[in-house]
Amino acid sequence: MDTGKLRHTVEIQERVDTYAPDGVTPLWSTVATRKAAIKPATAEEFLEADRTGSVAPRTLVMRYYSGTLTPAQQLLFDGKTYGIQSVANVDERNRTMEVRCKEVTS
Protein backbone atom coordinates (compact mmCIF):
# COMPACT_ATOMS: atom_id res chain seq x y z
CA MET A 1 0.00 0.00 0.00
CA ASP A 2 1.26 3.46 -0.90
CA THR A 3 1.24 5.34 2.41
CA GLY A 4 0.97 8.66 0.56
CA LYS A 5 -2.62 7.77 -0.29
CA LEU A 6 -3.55 7.51 3.40
CA ARG A 7 -4.24 11.23 3.67
CA HIS A 8 -7.68 11.29 5.26
CA THR A 9 -8.16 11.19 9.03
CA VAL A 10 -10.97 8.86 10.10
CA GLU A 11 -12.33 8.36 13.61
CA ILE A 12 -13.58 4.93 14.66
CA GLN A 13 -16.49 5.32 17.06
CA GLU A 14 -18.52 2.95 19.18
CA ARG A 15 -21.86 3.44 20.83
CA VAL A 16 -21.93 4.07 24.56
CA ASP A 17 -25.29 4.14 26.31
CA THR A 18 -25.71 6.54 29.21
CA TYR A 19 -28.47 5.82 31.69
CA ALA A 20 -30.59 8.52 33.26
CA PRO A 21 -33.91 8.50 35.14
CA ASP A 22 -35.73 9.44 31.94
CA GLY A 23 -34.21 6.61 29.89
CA VAL A 24 -31.17 5.62 27.87
CA THR A 25 -29.26 8.16 25.80
CA PRO A 26 -26.99 6.75 23.08
CA LEU A 27 -23.67 8.55 22.58
CA TRP A 28 -20.78 7.82 20.21
CA SER A 29 -17.26 7.70 21.62
CA THR A 30 -14.09 7.80 19.51
CA VAL A 31 -11.96 4.71 20.23
CA ALA A 32 -9.28 5.23 17.57
CA THR A 33 -8.15 7.65 14.89
CA ARG A 34 -6.62 6.25 11.70
CA LYS A 35 -5.33 7.49 8.36
CA ALA A 36 -7.21 6.11 5.36
CA ALA A 37 -7.57 6.29 1.61
CA ILE A 38 -11.13 6.76 0.40
CA LYS A 39 -12.26 5.01 -2.75
CA PRO A 40 -15.50 6.24 -4.32
CA ALA A 41 -18.23 3.87 -5.41
CA THR A 42 -17.82 2.07 -8.70
CA ALA A 43 -20.06 3.09 -11.60
CA GLU A 44 -22.17 -0.03 -11.04
CA GLU A 45 -22.63 0.74 -7.32
CA PHE A 46 -23.45 4.37 -8.09
CA LEU A 47 -26.09 3.41 -10.65
CA GLU A 48 -27.63 0.87 -8.26
CA ALA A 49 -27.77 3.47 -5.48
CA ASP A 50 -29.35 5.98 -7.86
CA ARG A 51 -31.91 3.41 -8.99
CA THR A 52 -32.91 2.49 -5.44
CA GLY A 53 -32.71 6.03 -4.06
CA SER A 54 -30.03 5.15 -1.53
CA VAL A 55 -26.53 6.45 -0.87
CA ALA A 56 -23.67 4.91 -2.84
CA PRO A 57 -21.21 2.96 -0.67
CA ARG A 58 -17.56 3.86 -0.20
CA THR A 59 -14.51 1.79 0.55
CA LEU A 60 -11.95 3.03 3.06
CA VAL A 61 -8.51 1.48 2.91
CA MET A 62 -6.38 1.70 6.05
CA ARG A 63 -3.54 -0.04 7.78
CA TYR A 64 -4.54 -3.09 9.79
CA TYR A 65 -6.35 -2.17 13.00
CA SER A 66 -5.71 -4.70 15.76
CA GLY A 67 -8.74 -3.55 17.72
CA THR A 68 -12.26 -4.67 17.01
CA LEU A 69 -13.91 -3.12 13.95
CA THR A 70 -17.50 -4.24 13.37
CA PRO A 71 -20.75 -3.04 11.78
CA ALA A 72 -21.90 -2.05 15.29
CA GLN A 73 -19.41 0.83 15.10
CA GLN A 74 -19.31 3.87 12.85
CA LEU A 75 -16.70 6.03 11.14
CA LEU A 76 -16.51 9.81 11.25
CA PHE A 77 -14.81 11.55 8.34
CA ASP A 78 -14.97 15.16 7.20
CA GLY A 79 -17.96 15.87 9.43
CA LYS A 80 -19.96 12.97 7.97
CA THR A 81 -20.92 9.73 9.67
CA TYR A 82 -20.53 6.39 7.89
CA GLY A 83 -22.11 3.12 8.97
CA ILE A 84 -19.83 0.12 8.56
CA GLN A 85 -21.21 -2.60 6.28
CA SER A 86 -18.24 -4.97 6.18
CA VAL A 87 -14.58 -5.22 7.11
CA ALA A 88 -12.01 -7.22 5.14
CA ASN A 89 -8.47 -8.07 6.20
CA VAL A 90 -6.83 -7.94 2.75
CA ASP A 91 -5.15 -11.28 1.94
CA GLU A 92 -5.42 -12.16 5.68
CA ARG A 93 -1.96 -10.61 6.14
CA ASN A 94 -2.82 -8.17 8.97
CA ARG A 95 -1.42 -5.24 6.98
CA THR A 96 -4.31 -3.62 5.16
CA MET A 97 -8.04 -3.43 5.81
CA GLU A 98 -10.85 -2.49 3.46
CA VAL A 99 -13.93 -1.12 5.17
CA ARG A 100 -17.15 -0.88 3.14
CA CYS A 101 -19.48 1.77 4.47
CA LYS A 102 -22.39 4.06 3.62
CA GLU A 103 -23.05 7.59 4.73
CA VAL A 104 -25.62 7.77 7.50
CA THR A 105 -28.36 10.23 6.63
CA SER A 106 -30.99 11.49 9.04
C-alpha atoms as a PDB file:
ATOM      1  CA  MET A   1       0.000   0.000   0.000  1.00  0.00           C
ATOM      2  CA  ASP A   2       1.256   3.465  -0.898  1.00  0.00           C
ATOM      3  CA  THR A   3       1.238   5.343   2.413  1.00  0.00           C
ATOM      4  CA  GLY A   4       0.971   8.662   0.563  1.00  0.00           C
ATOM      5  CA  LYS A   5      -2.617   7.767  -0.293  1.00  0.00           C
ATOM      6  CA  LEU A   6      -3.549   7.514   3.398  1.00  0.00           C
ATOM      7  CA  ARG A   7      -4.238  11.234   3.666  1.00  0.00           C
ATOM      8  CA  HIS A   8      -7.685  11.286   5.262  1.00  0.00           C
ATOM      9  CA  THR A   9      -8.159  11.190   9.028  1.00  0.00           C
ATOM     10  CA  VAL A  10     -10.975   8.865  10.096  1.00  0.00           C
ATOM     11  CA  GLU A  11     -12.327   8.362  13.611  1.00  0.00           C
ATOM     12  CA  ILE A  12     -13.575   4.930  14.660  1.00  0.00           C
ATOM     13  CA  GLN A  13     -16.490   5.324  17.058  1.00  0.00           C
ATOM     14  CA  GLU A  14     -18.519   2.955  19.177  1.00  0.00           C
ATOM     15  CA  ARG A  15     -21.859   3.435  20.834  1.00  0.00           C
ATOM     16  CA  VAL A  16     -21.930   4.074  24.561  1.00  0.00           C
ATOM     17  CA  ASP A  17     -25.291   4.142  26.312  1.00  0.00           C
ATOM     18  CA  THR A  18     -25.714   6.535  29.210  1.00  0.00           C
ATOM     19  CA  TYR A  19     -28.465   5.821  31.685  1.00  0.00           C
ATOM     20  CA  ALA A  20     -30.593   8.523  33.264  1.00  0.00           C
ATOM     21  CA  PRO A  21     -33.910   8.505  35.137  1.00  0.00           C
ATOM     22  CA  ASP A  22     -35.730   9.442  31.937  1.00  0.00           C
ATOM     23  CA  GLY A  23     -34.206   6.611  29.886  1.00  0.00           C
ATOM     24  CA  VAL A  24     -31.173   5.623  27.866  1.00  0.00           C
ATOM     25  CA  THR A  25     -29.257   8.159  25.803  1.00  0.00           C
ATOM     26  CA  PRO A  26     -26.991   6.745  23.083  1.00  0.00           C
ATOM     27  CA  LEU A  27     -23.673   8.549  22.579  1.00  0.00           C
ATOM     28  CA  TRP A  28     -20.784   7.824  20.210  1.00  0.00           C
ATOM     29  CA  SER A  29     -17.264   7.701  21.622  1.00  0.00           C
ATOM     30  CA  THR A  30     -14.086   7.802  19.512  1.00  0.00           C
ATOM     31  CA  VAL A  31     -11.964   4.709  20.227  1.00  0.00           C
ATOM     32  CA  ALA A  32      -9.277   5.234  17.567  1.00  0.00           C
ATOM     33  CA  THR A  33      -8.145   7.653  14.888  1.00  0.00           C
ATOM     34  CA  ARG A  34      -6.615   6.248  11.700  1.00  0.00           C
ATOM     35  CA  LYS A  35      -5.334   7.489   8.363  1.00  0.00           C
ATOM     36  CA  ALA A  36      -7.207   6.110   5.364  1.00  0.00           C
ATOM     37  CA  ALA A  37      -7.573   6.289   1.608  1.00  0.00           C
ATOM     38  CA  ILE A  38     -11.129   6.758   0.405  1.00  0.00           C
ATOM     39  CA  LYS A  39     -12.263   5.007  -2.750  1.00  0.00           C
ATOM     40  CA  PRO A  40     -15.503   6.236  -4.321  1.00  0.00           C
ATOM     41  CA  ALA A  41     -18.229   3.874  -5.406  1.00  0.00           C
ATOM     42  CA  THR A  42     -17.822   2.068  -8.698  1.00  0.00           C
ATOM     43  CA  ALA A  43     -20.062   3.086 -11.596  1.00  0.00           C
ATOM     44  CA  GLU A  44     -22.173  -0.030 -11.039  1.00  0.00           C
ATOM     45  CA  GLU A  45     -22.630   0.740  -7.325  1.00  0.00           C
ATOM     46  CA  PHE A  46     -23.447   4.371  -8.094  1.00  0.00           C
ATOM     47  CA  LEU A  47     -26.093   3.410 -10.646  1.00  0.00           C
ATOM     48  CA  GLU A  48     -27.628   0.867  -8.258  1.00  0.00           C
ATOM     49  CA  ALA A  49     -27.772   3.472  -5.478  1.00  0.00           C
ATOM     50  CA  ASP A  50     -29.348   5.983  -7.858  1.00  0.00           C
ATOM     51  CA  ARG A  51     -31.915   3.413  -8.990  1.00  0.00           C
ATOM     52  CA  THR A  52     -32.909   2.490  -5.438  1.00  0.00           C
ATOM     53  CA  GLY A  53     -32.707   6.029  -4.057  1.00  0.00           C
ATOM     54  CA  SER A  54     -30.034   5.146  -1.533  1.00  0.00           C
ATOM     55  CA  VAL A  55     -26.532   6.450  -0.874  1.00  0.00           C
ATOM     56  CA  ALA A  56     -23.666   4.909  -2.842  1.00  0.00           C
ATOM     57  CA  PRO A  57     -21.209   2.959  -0.672  1.00  0.00           C
ATOM     58  CA  ARG A  58     -17.557   3.860  -0.204  1.00  0.00           C
ATOM     59  CA  THR A  59     -14.510   1.794   0.552  1.00  0.00           C
ATOM     60  CA  LEU A  60     -11.954   3.028   3.061  1.00  0.00           C
ATOM     61  CA  VAL A  61      -8.506   1.479   2.915  1.00  0.00           C
ATOM     62  CA  MET A  62      -6.376   1.697   6.053  1.00  0.00           C
ATOM     63  CA  ARG A  63      -3.537  -0.039   7.784  1.00  0.00           C
ATOM     64  CA  TYR A  64      -4.540  -3.090   9.786  1.00  0.00           C
ATOM     65  CA  TYR A  65      -6.347  -2.171  13.005  1.00  0.00           C
ATOM     66  CA  SER A  66      -5.710  -4.703  15.758  1.00  0.00           C
ATOM     67  CA  GLY A  67      -8.742  -3.553  17.724  1.00  0.00           C
ATOM     68  CA  THR A  68     -12.264  -4.671  17.006  1.00  0.00           C
ATOM     69  CA  LEU A  69     -13.911  -3.124  13.948  1.00  0.00           C
ATOM     70  CA  THR A  70     -17.504  -4.238  13.374  1.00  0.00           C
ATOM     71  CA  PRO A  71     -20.751  -3.036  11.776  1.00  0.00           C
ATOM     72  CA  ALA A  72     -21.899  -2.051  15.287  1.00  0.00           C
ATOM     73  CA  GLN A  73     -19.409   0.831  15.096  1.00  0.00           C
ATOM     74  CA  GLN A  74     -19.314   3.871  12.851  1.00  0.00           C
ATOM     75  CA  LEU A  75     -16.700   6.032  11.142  1.00  0.00           C
ATOM     76  CA  LEU A  76     -16.514   9.808  11.254  1.00  0.00           C
ATOM     77  CA  PHE A  77     -14.811  11.547   8.339  1.00  0.00           C
ATOM     78  CA  ASP A  78     -14.967  15.163   7.196  1.00  0.00           C
ATOM     79  CA  GLY A  79     -17.963  15.872   9.435  1.00  0.00           C
ATOM     80  CA  LYS A  80     -19.959  12.974   7.971  1.00  0.00           C
ATOM     81  CA  THR A  81     -20.915   9.733   9.673  1.00  0.00           C
ATOM     82  CA  TYR A  82     -20.533   6.394   7.888  1.00  0.00           C
ATOM     83  CA  GLY A  83     -22.112   3.122   8.967  1.00  0.00           C
ATOM     84  CA  ILE A  84     -19.825   0.117   8.563  1.00  0.00           C
ATOM     85  CA  GLN A  85     -21.205  -2.600   6.279  1.00  0.00           C
ATOM     86  CA  SER A  86     -18.245  -4.970   6.175  1.00  0.00           C
ATOM     87  CA  VAL A  87     -14.582  -5.222   7.111  1.00  0.00           C
ATOM     88  CA  ALA A  88     -12.010  -7.220   5.138  1.00  0.00           C
ATOM     89  CA  ASN A  89      -8.467  -8.074   6.203  1.00  0.00           C
ATOM     90  CA  VAL A  90      -6.829  -7.937   2.750  1.00  0.00           C
ATOM     91  CA  ASP A  91      -5.153 -11.276   1.939  1.00  0.00           C
ATOM     92  CA  GLU A  92      -5.417 -12.156   5.683  1.00  0.00           C
ATOM     93  CA  ARG A  93      -1.959 -10.607   6.145  1.00  0.00           C
ATOM     94  CA  ASN A  94      -2.818  -8.173   8.967  1.00  0.00           C
ATOM     95  CA  ARG A  95      -1.418  -5.244   6.979  1.00  0.00           C
ATOM     96  CA  THR A  96      -4.309  -3.624   5.157  1.00  0.00           C
ATOM     97  CA  MET A  97      -8.040  -3.430   5.809  1.00  0.00           C
ATOM     98  CA  GLU A  98     -10.851  -2.495   3.460  1.00  0.00           C
ATOM     99  CA  VAL A  99     -13.929  -1.124   5.174  1.00  0.00           C
ATOM    100  CA  ARG A 100     -17.150  -0.878   3.139  1.00  0.00           C
ATOM    101  CA  CYS A 101     -19.483   1.771   4.471  1.00  0.00           C
ATOM    102  CA  LYS A 102     -22.394   4.057   3.622  1.00  0.00           C
ATOM    103  CA  GLU A 103     -23.048   7.586   4.733  1.00  0.00           C
ATOM    104  CA  VAL A 104     -25.617   7.767   7.500  1.00  0.00           C
ATOM    105  CA  THR A 105     -28.363  10.231   6.635  1.00  0.00           C
ATOM    106  CA  SER A 106     -30.986  11.487   9.039  1.00  0.00           C
END
